[in-house]
């Protein structure tokens, strides 16, 4: 391996993605750096300027100019952090989320077009080769990193994956029987057949091209109330903050579209999930023993008042 080999590969890959035209189409009317800031704000709930500078290795003055521009364009709002008044919390407005969503959609379409040229049988080999390059030219770690995880909308097959992984994981970890799989299948089928995309949504957490987590936000029976459902994180990717990001995505979405409260039902054996809910401000309002899914459980109802503002 020589310097020339790497430079030759760089030229090849630039030609493959047609970088200059790709950039104009994908990021317009924003620069590449502005688009990356929007991306991070969309995927890092409750960010502040210091977090962004650290994550993107940006000069503080340059980042400040970008944020000033975003604020003037109505894409972001800034306020003092409740945890540290010296810091400024930055959140996307509805217009900002729309802009970030458009950029994400363009990126997925463009990369999807590129991936379509690769035979399905060759895609695992391509993914492994990309992981190898990142490992050898990165910091040498094989373990995945938080920033490698992307939250996205479900694609073909993802709703089926939600049913399959919920059934398999809950059977392996808690001994749930097929009654639970039936419940999940009904929840997912109801969403697939009839949902309002403006008020209901599914998120898939993706790592290295494969789903590793999910969550749903659906309308509840009570007016002004949304329900969080089917939070799941694959065991091998726990510890990367995926559960926190998924719950944060639901709370931000529910608050942004005007719900007054967010509720959820869970069981006391799901200790890790309960800690996530508590960190996001959910309060336990009721619990009741029951026997379901072949197990003796204690069901719990949790509630988050969205009118109180972010924690």
Protein backbone atom coordinates (compact mmCIF):
# COMPACT_ATOMS: atom_id res chain seq x y z
CA UNK A 1 0.00 0.00 0.00
CA UNK A 2 1.42 3.38 -1.03
CA UNK A 3 0.33 7.01 -0.90
CA UNK A 4 -0.42 6.75 -4.60
CA UNK A 5 -2.78 3.82 -3.98
CA UNK A 6 -4.87 5.89 -1.56
CA UNK A 7 -4.88 8.93 -3.85
CA UNK A 8 -5.95 6.73 -6.75
CA UNK A 9 -8.82 5.32 -4.69
CA UNK A 10 -9.88 8.83 -3.68
CA UNK A 11 -10.05 9.90 -7.33
CA UNK A 12 -12.00 6.77 -8.21
CA UNK A 13 -14.57 7.27 -5.46
CA UNK A 14 -14.97 10.96 -6.27
CA UNK A 15 -15.80 9.99 -9.84
CA UNK A 16 -18.24 7.30 -8.67
CA UNK A 17 -20.38 9.69 -6.64
CA UNK A 18 -19.83 12.62 -9.01
CA UNK A 19 -18.98 14.71 -5.97
CA UNK A 20 -19.33 18.24 -7.34
CA UNK A 21 -22.75 17.82 -8.95
CA UNK A 22 -23.85 15.60 -6.04
CA UNK A 23 -23.01 18.38 -3.62
CA UNK A 24 -24.96 21.03 -5.51
CA UNK A 25 -28.05 18.85 -5.73
CA UNK A 26 -27.93 17.37 -2.26
CA UNK A 27 -27.10 20.36 -0.08
CA UNK A 28 -28.60 23.33 -1.96
CA UNK A 29 -29.28 25.98 -0.76
CA UNK A 30 -26.85 25.16 2.05
CA UNK A 31 -23.14 24.51 2.07
CA UNK A 32 -21.84 21.08 3.04
CA UNK A 33 -20.88 22.33 6.52
CA UNK A 34 -24.26 24.05 7.05
CA UNK A 35 -26.00 20.83 6.05
CA UNK A 36 -23.90 18.85 8.49
CA UNK A 37 -24.85 21.25 11.30
CA UNK A 38 -28.53 20.79 10.42
CA UNK A 39 -28.04 17.02 10.43
CA UNK A 40 -26.46 17.05 13.87
CA UNK A 41 -29.20 19.27 15.29
CA UNK A 42 -31.81 16.87 13.92
CA UNK A 43 -30.08 13.86 15.48
CA UNK A 44 -28.77 15.35 18.75
CA UNK A 45 -31.76 16.45 20.86
CA UNK A 46 -31.01 19.32 23.27
CA UNK A 47 -27.71 20.24 21.62
CA UNK A 48 -25.73 23.34 22.45
CA UNK A 49 -22.99 25.22 20.60
CA UNK A 50 -20.22 23.53 22.59
CA UNK A 51 -21.56 20.08 21.65
CA UNK A 52 -21.64 21.03 17.97
CA UNK A 53 -18.12 22.48 18.02
CA UNK A 54 -16.81 19.29 19.60
CA UNK A 55 -18.75 16.95 17.32
CA UNK A 56 -17.84 18.73 14.07
CA UNK A 57 -14.43 20.20 15.02
CA UNK A 58 -15.57 23.64 13.87
CA UNK A 59 -14.10 27.02 14.66
CA UNK A 60 -16.36 28.76 17.19
CA UNK A 61 -16.63 31.91 15.06
CA UNK A 62 -17.55 29.93 11.94
CA UNK A 63 -20.19 27.94 13.83
CA UNK A 64 -21.60 31.13 15.35
CA UNK A 65 -22.06 32.64 11.88
CA UNK A 66 -23.86 29.51 10.69
CA UNK A 67 -26.18 29.53 13.69
CA UNK A 68 -26.86 33.25 13.26
CA UNK A 69 -27.85 32.58 9.65
CA UNK A 70 -30.08 29.67 10.67
CA UNK A 71 -31.76 31.82 13.32
CA UNK A 72 -32.41 34.63 10.83
CA UNK A 73 -33.90 32.07 8.41
CA UNK A 74 -36.16 30.68 11.12
CA UNK A 75 -34.47 27.26 11.20
CA UNK A 76 -33.31 27.27 14.85
CA UNK A 77 -34.15 28.74 18.21
CA UNK A 78 -31.59 29.48 20.93
CA UNK A 79 -32.18 29.71 24.65
CA UNK A 80 -30.18 29.41 27.86
CA UNK A 81 -29.54 25.81 28.88
CA UNK A 82 -31.54 24.78 31.94
CA UNK A 83 -28.63 22.63 33.13
CA UNK A 84 -25.91 25.27 32.59
CA UNK A 85 -26.98 28.92 32.06
CA UNK A 86 -23.57 29.66 30.54
CA UNK A 87 -24.49 27.47 27.58
CA UNK A 88 -26.99 28.15 24.80
CA UNK A 89 -29.38 25.33 23.94
CA UNK A 90 -30.11 25.10 20.20
CA UNK A 91 -33.22 23.42 18.82
CA UNK A 92 -34.66 23.13 15.33
CA UNK A 93 -37.93 24.89 14.58
CA UNK A 94 -40.63 23.19 12.52
CA UNK A 95 -39.10 24.87 9.47
CA UNK A 96 -35.67 23.63 10.50
CA UNK A 97 -36.91 20.06 10.88
CA UNK A 98 -38.49 20.30 7.45
CA UNK A 99 -35.19 21.47 5.93
CA UNK A 100 -33.21 18.73 7.69
CA UNK A 101 -35.78 16.16 6.57
CA UNK A 102 -35.46 17.27 2.96
CA UNK A 103 -31.68 16.95 3.10
CA UNK A 104 -32.01 13.49 4.64
CA UNK A 105 -34.46 12.42 1.93
CA UNK A 106 -32.14 13.65 -0.82
CA UNK A 107 -29.17 11.86 0.74
CA UNK A 108 -31.06 8.57 1.02
CA UNK A 109 -32.28 8.81 -2.58
CA UNK A 110 -28.80 9.59 -3.90
CA UNK A 111 -27.02 6.88 -1.93
CA UNK A 112 -29.86 4.48 -2.71
CA UNK A 113 -29.31 5.08 -6.42
CA UNK A 114 -25.63 4.32 -5.97
CA UNK A 115 -26.35 1.17 -3.95
CA UNK A 116 -28.83 -0.02 -6.59
CA UNK A 117 -25.89 -0.53 -8.96
CA UNK A 118 -24.45 -3.16 -6.57
CA UNK A 119 -25.86 -6.68 -6.80
CA UNK A 120 -27.66 -7.70 -3.56
CA UNK A 121 -25.32 -10.65 -3.12
CA UNK A 122 -22.32 -8.28 -3.16
CA UNK A 123 -23.67 -5.74 -0.66
CA UNK A 124 -22.53 -7.56 2.53
CA UNK A 125 -19.01 -7.71 1.07
CA UNK A 126 -19.14 -3.99 0.27
CA UNK A 127 -20.36 -3.15 3.79
CA UNK A 128 -17.57 -5.23 5.34
CA UNK A 129 -14.96 -3.55 3.11
CA UNK A 130 -16.21 -0.12 4.21
CA UNK A 131 -16.05 -1.13 7.88
CA UNK A 132 -12.50 -2.36 7.33
CA UNK A 133 -11.44 0.96 5.80
CA UNK A 134 -13.01 2.91 8.67
CA UNK A 135 -11.39 0.68 11.28
CA UNK A 136 -7.90 0.80 9.77
CA UNK A 137 -7.92 4.52 8.91
CA UNK A 138 -9.89 5.59 11.96
CA UNK A 139 -8.94 5.15 15.59
CA UNK A 140 -8.48 1.39 15.28
CA UNK A 141 -11.59 0.48 17.26
CA UNK A 142 -13.89 -2.21 15.96
CA UNK A 143 -16.72 -1.16 18.29
CA UNK A 144 -19.39 1.07 16.71
CA UNK A 145 -19.55 4.74 17.63
CA UNK A 146 -22.54 6.87 18.60
CA UNK A 147 -22.12 9.09 15.56
CA UNK A 148 -22.33 6.07 13.24
CA UNK A 149 -25.98 5.53 14.20
CA UNK A 150 -28.59 7.24 11.99
CA UNK A 151 -32.28 7.68 12.78
CA UNK A 152 -34.45 7.39 9.68
CA UNK A 153 -37.96 6.64 8.48
CA UNK A 154 -38.81 2.99 7.78
CA UNK A 155 -38.16 1.54 4.35
CA UNK A 156 -39.50 -1.61 2.69
CA UNK A 157 -39.20 -4.55 5.10
CA UNK A 158 -38.54 -2.44 8.20
CA UNK A 159 -42.03 -2.83 9.67
CA UNK A 160 -41.68 -6.59 9.37
CA UNK A 161 -38.29 -6.33 11.06
CA UNK A 162 -39.92 -4.52 14.00
CA UNK A 163 -42.31 -7.44 14.53
CA UNK A 164 -39.63 -10.11 14.12
CA UNK A 165 -37.04 -8.50 16.40
CA UNK A 166 -39.55 -7.62 19.13
CA UNK A 167 -40.78 -11.21 19.17
CA UNK A 168 -37.29 -12.73 19.16
CA UNK A 169 -35.71 -10.38 21.72
CA UNK A 170 -38.55 -10.45 24.23
CA UNK A 171 -38.69 -14.24 24.02
CA UNK A 172 -34.93 -14.51 24.59
CA UNK A 173 -34.64 -11.89 27.34
CA UNK A 174 -37.97 -12.15 29.19
CA UNK A 175 -39.52 -15.44 28.11
CA UNK A 176 -42.49 -13.85 26.34
CA UNK A 177 -44.56 -16.23 24.24
CA UNK A 178 -46.14 -15.72 20.82
CA UNK A 179 -48.98 -13.65 22.32
CA UNK A 180 -46.52 -10.77 22.40
CA UNK A 181 -45.61 -11.26 18.75
CA UNK A 182 -49.31 -11.12 17.92
CA UNK A 183 -49.71 -7.85 19.83
CA UNK A 184 -46.74 -6.26 18.06
CA UNK A 185 -47.98 -7.47 14.68
CA UNK A 186 -51.38 -5.84 15.29
CA UNK A 187 -49.80 -2.55 16.37
CA UNK A 188 -47.56 -2.46 13.30
CA UNK A 189 -50.35 -3.54 10.93
CA UNK A 190 -52.67 -0.82 12.26
CA UNK A 191 -49.95 1.77 11.63
CA UNK A 192 -49.18 0.46 8.14
CA UNK A 193 -52.83 0.39 7.10
CA UNK A 194 -53.98 3.72 8.50
CA UNK A 195 -51.84 6.48 9.99
CA UNK A 196 -51.57 10.24 9.68
CA UNK A 197 -47.97 11.01 8.61
CA UNK A 198 -48.26 14.50 10.08
CA UNK A 199 -49.14 13.20 13.55
CA UNK A 200 -47.74 9.66 13.65
CA UNK A 201 -44.30 8.35 12.84
CA UNK A 202 -41.86 5.43 13.07
CA UNK A 203 -38.10 5.79 13.53
CA UNK A 204 -35.53 3.15 12.63
CA UNK A 205 -32.04 3.39 14.14
CA UNK A 206 -29.55 2.24 11.54
CA UNK A 207 -25.90 1.26 11.95
CA UNK A 208 -23.68 0.18 9.06
CA UNK A 209 -26.70 -0.22 6.82
CA UNK A 210 -28.73 -2.44 9.14
CA UNK A 211 -31.55 -1.65 11.60
CA UNK A 212 -30.54 -1.81 15.27
CA UNK A 213 -33.46 -0.07 16.99
CA UNK A 214 -36.94 1.35 16.56
CA UNK A 215 -39.75 3.32 18.19
CA UNK A 216 -43.23 4.52 17.22
CA UNK A 217 -45.31 7.63 17.97
CA UNK A 218 -49.04 7.17 17.39
CA UNK A 219 -52.22 8.99 18.33
CA UNK A 220 -53.87 7.91 21.56
CA UNK A 221 -57.60 7.82 22.24
CA UNK A 222 -57.47 10.90 24.49
CA UNK A 223 -57.52 14.24 22.61
CA UNK A 224 -54.12 15.92 22.34
CA UNK A 225 -52.32 12.77 23.48
CA UNK A 226 -49.68 10.72 21.68
CA UNK A 227 -48.45 7.26 22.64
CA UNK A 228 -44.87 6.00 22.49
CA UNK A 229 -44.74 2.35 21.44
CA UNK A 230 -42.33 -0.50 20.67
CA UNK A 231 -39.04 1.02 21.80
CA UNK A 232 -36.32 -1.52 21.02
CA UNK A 233 -32.52 -1.50 20.82
CA UNK A 234 -30.48 -4.49 19.66
CA UNK A 235 -28.34 -5.93 22.50
CA UNK A 236 -25.03 -5.58 20.67
CA UNK A 237 -25.56 -1.83 20.19
CA UNK A 238 -26.75 -0.94 23.69
CA UNK A 239 -24.60 1.63 25.41
CA UNK A 240 -24.45 3.91 22.37
CA UNK A 241 -27.31 6.10 23.53
CA UNK A 242 -29.67 4.79 20.85
CA UNK A 243 -32.61 4.41 23.23
CA UNK A 244 -32.16 7.99 24.44
CA UNK A 245 -32.06 9.28 20.87
CA UNK A 246 -35.16 7.33 19.87
CA UNK A 247 -37.16 8.56 22.88
CA UNK A 248 -35.84 12.09 22.30
CA UNK A 249 -36.98 11.91 18.67
CA UNK A 250 -40.49 10.94 19.76
CA UNK A 251 -40.76 13.68 22.40
CA UNK A 252 -39.42 16.35 20.04
CA UNK A 253 -41.80 15.24 17.28
CA UNK A 254 -44.84 15.03 19.57
CA UNK A 255 -44.15 18.46 21.04
CA UNK A 256 -43.44 19.93 17.61
CA UNK A 257 -46.74 18.80 16.06
CA UNK A 258 -48.79 20.08 19.00
CA UNK A 259 -49.55 17.13 21.27
CA UNK A 260 -50.14 18.14 24.89
CA UNK A 261 -48.94 14.92 26.48
CA UNK A 262 -47.09 11.72 25.63
CA UNK A 263 -47.98 8.45 27.32
CA UNK A 264 -46.64 4.90 27.26
CA UNK A 265 -47.30 1.50 28.79
CA UNK A 266 -44.47 -0.79 29.80
CA UNK A 267 -43.64 -3.50 32.34
CA UNK A 268 -41.49 -3.23 35.43
CA UNK A 269 -39.02 -5.84 34.17
CA UNK A 270 -37.83 -3.41 31.47
CA UNK A 271 -35.53 -1.55 33.84
CA UNK A 272 -33.21 -0.02 31.23
CA UNK A 273 -36.14 1.40 29.25
CA UNK A 274 -37.69 2.87 32.40
CA UNK A 275 -34.47 4.73 33.18
CA UNK A 276 -34.55 6.25 29.71
CA UNK A 277 -38.15 7.38 30.19
CA UNK A 278 -37.27 8.96 33.53
CA UNK A 279 -34.34 10.85 32.02
CA UNK A 280 -36.73 12.38 29.49
CA UNK A 281 -39.15 13.53 32.18
CA UNK A 282 -41.78 10.78 32.12
CA UNK A 283 -43.61 10.23 35.40
CA UNK A 284 -45.05 6.91 36.60
CA UNK A 285 -48.80 7.43 37.09
CA UNK A 286 -50.14 3.89 37.64
CA UNK A 287 -49.09 0.25 37.85
CA UNK A 288 -51.00 -3.00 38.01
CA UNK A 289 -50.02 -6.71 38.20
CA UNK A 290 -51.15 -8.83 35.26
CA UNK A 291 -50.36 -12.08 33.52
CA UNK A 292 -49.62 -11.65 29.83
CA UNK A 293 -47.35 -13.17 27.20
CA UNK A 294 -46.89 -16.25 29.40
CA UNK A 295 -45.35 -14.29 32.31
CA UNK A 296 -46.39 -12.64 35.58
CA UNK A 297 -45.72 -8.93 35.13
CA UNK A 298 -46.42 -5.52 36.60
CA UNK A 299 -47.71 -3.15 33.95
CA UNK A 300 -46.87 0.53 34.28
CA UNK A 301 -48.38 3.67 32.77
CA UNK A 302 -46.02 6.61 32.28
CA UNK A 303 -46.87 10.19 31.26
CA UNK A 304 -44.93 13.21 30.01
CA UNK A 305 -46.50 16.69 30.02
CA UNK A 306 -45.29 18.23 26.77
CA UNK A 307 -46.55 21.69 27.67
CA UNK A 308 -43.92 21.93 30.38
CA UNK A 309 -41.16 22.21 27.75
CA UNK A 310 -37.99 20.12 27.30
CA UNK A 311 -36.17 18.93 30.40
